[in-house]
Amino acid sequence: MNTILLGGLLGLVFGTLDIIPMYFMKGFDNKRTAMIAAFIERFSIGLLIGATQFPISTILQGLLISILISIPTALITKAYVPVLTTAVIGGAVIGFAVGQWGL
């Protein structure tokens, strides 16, 4: 499968999985805006992993891209562990998938 298409599809899955727990959270303002922003961020991670080619393994590429994109969110929200943990897991998984099944 085309790497950009695969990255985009996996980004849609990643974004959806990331916002599911947010739906059930209580006690923060602008929940809808936060969910939209989180979805766009995670979708962008998948799309960029599929669209780039660094001279390193695709897993490391996924980690690098996902961490770099997620750092601003972690700094703004001060939710370092959950934001960066999901970034590391999602970036590595998408990077692996793009490396295995992307053309």
Protein backbone atom coordinates (compact mmCIF):
# COMPACT_ATOMS: atom_id res chain seq x y z
CA MET A 1 0.00 0.00 0.00
CA ASN A 2 1.16 3.54 -0.65
CA THR A 3 2.98 4.81 2.45
CA ILE A 4 1.12 8.13 2.54
CA LEU A 5 -2.26 6.40 2.33
CA LEU A 6 -1.22 3.83 4.93
CA GLY A 7 0.09 6.55 7.24
CA GLY A 8 -3.12 8.54 6.82
CA LEU A 9 -5.32 5.53 7.55
CA LEU A 10 -3.27 4.60 10.59
CA GLY A 11 -3.39 8.25 11.69
CA LEU A 12 -7.19 8.11 11.56
CA VAL A 13 -7.14 5.00 13.74
CA PHE A 14 -4.58 6.55 16.12
CA GLY A 15 -6.61 9.76 16.41
CA THR A 16 -9.82 7.87 17.07
CA LEU A 17 -8.22 5.67 19.73
CA ASP A 18 -6.67 8.73 21.37
CA ILE A 19 -9.92 10.65 21.75
CA ILE A 20 -12.07 7.77 23.06
CA PRO A 21 -10.86 8.16 26.68
CA MET A 22 -11.26 11.94 26.43
CA TYR A 23 -14.95 11.49 25.68
CA PHE A 24 -15.49 9.96 29.13
CA MET A 25 -13.38 12.48 31.06
CA LYS A 26 -15.06 15.08 33.21
CA GLY A 27 -13.88 18.32 34.67
CA PHE A 28 -12.19 20.25 31.88
CA ASP A 29 -13.37 23.15 29.76
CA ASN A 30 -13.51 23.11 25.98
CA LYS A 31 -13.75 19.32 25.77
CA ARG A 32 -14.92 19.39 22.15
CA THR A 33 -12.04 21.65 21.10
CA ALA A 34 -9.52 19.49 22.96
CA MET A 35 -10.83 16.35 21.28
CA ILE A 36 -10.68 17.90 17.82
CA ALA A 37 -7.13 19.16 18.44
CA ALA A 38 -5.99 15.77 19.76
CA PHE A 39 -7.51 13.97 16.77
CA ILE A 40 -5.85 16.33 14.27
CA GLU A 41 -2.50 15.99 16.04
CA ARG A 42 -2.59 12.18 16.02
CA PHE A 43 -3.82 12.04 12.43
CA SER A 44 -0.98 14.38 11.43
CA ILE A 45 1.53 12.09 13.11
CA GLY A 46 0.38 9.13 11.02
CA LEU A 47 0.28 11.13 7.81
CA LEU A 48 3.77 12.56 8.34
CA ILE A 49 5.27 9.19 9.21
CA GLY A 50 3.90 7.84 5.94
CA ALA A 51 5.00 10.87 3.93
CA THR A 52 8.62 11.12 5.11
CA GLN A 53 11.68 9.02 4.47
CA PHE A 54 14.61 9.47 6.81
CA PRO A 55 17.81 7.42 6.51
CA ILE A 56 16.90 5.58 9.74
CA SER A 57 14.56 2.71 10.58
CA THR A 58 10.89 3.50 10.17
CA ILE A 59 10.28 2.73 13.85
CA LEU A 60 12.80 5.40 14.89
CA GLN A 61 11.33 7.73 12.29
CA GLY A 62 7.88 7.21 13.81
CA LEU A 63 9.20 7.84 17.31
CA LEU A 64 11.00 11.01 16.27
CA ILE A 65 8.05 12.49 14.38
CA SER A 66 5.49 11.60 17.04
CA ILE A 67 7.56 12.97 19.91
CA LEU A 68 8.39 16.21 18.09
CA ILE A 69 4.75 16.82 17.19
CA SER A 70 3.51 15.96 20.71
CA ILE A 71 5.96 18.02 22.78
CA PRO A 72 4.01 21.31 22.42
CA THR A 73 0.79 19.64 23.60
CA ALA A 74 2.59 18.06 26.55
CA LEU A 75 4.08 21.43 27.53
CA ILE A 76 0.78 23.32 27.23
CA THR A 77 -1.33 20.76 29.08
CA LYS A 78 1.39 19.72 31.57
CA ALA A 79 0.20 16.14 30.96
CA TYR A 80 3.68 14.96 29.99
CA VAL A 81 3.37 11.24 30.72
CA PRO A 82 0.04 10.46 29.00
CA VAL A 83 0.69 12.64 25.96
CA LEU A 84 4.24 11.45 25.34
CA THR A 85 3.47 7.82 26.20
CA THR A 86 0.72 7.61 23.60
CA ALA A 87 3.00 9.44 21.15
CA VAL A 88 5.79 6.90 21.64
CA ILE A 89 3.49 3.90 21.33
CA GLY A 90 1.53 5.25 18.38
CA GLY A 91 4.60 6.53 16.54
CA ALA A 92 6.45 3.24 16.93
CA VAL A 93 3.46 1.18 15.82
CA ILE A 94 2.74 3.38 12.80
CA GLY A 95 6.44 3.48 11.90
CA PHE A 96 6.62 -0.32 12.09
CA ALA A 97 3.48 -0.72 9.94
CA VAL A 98 4.69 1.74 7.33
CA GLY A 99 8.04 -0.04 7.18
CA GLN A 100 6.44 -3.46 6.84
CA TRP A 101 3.51 -2.82 4.52
CA GLY A 102 4.24 0.49 2.85
CA LEU A 103 5.46 0.63 -0.73
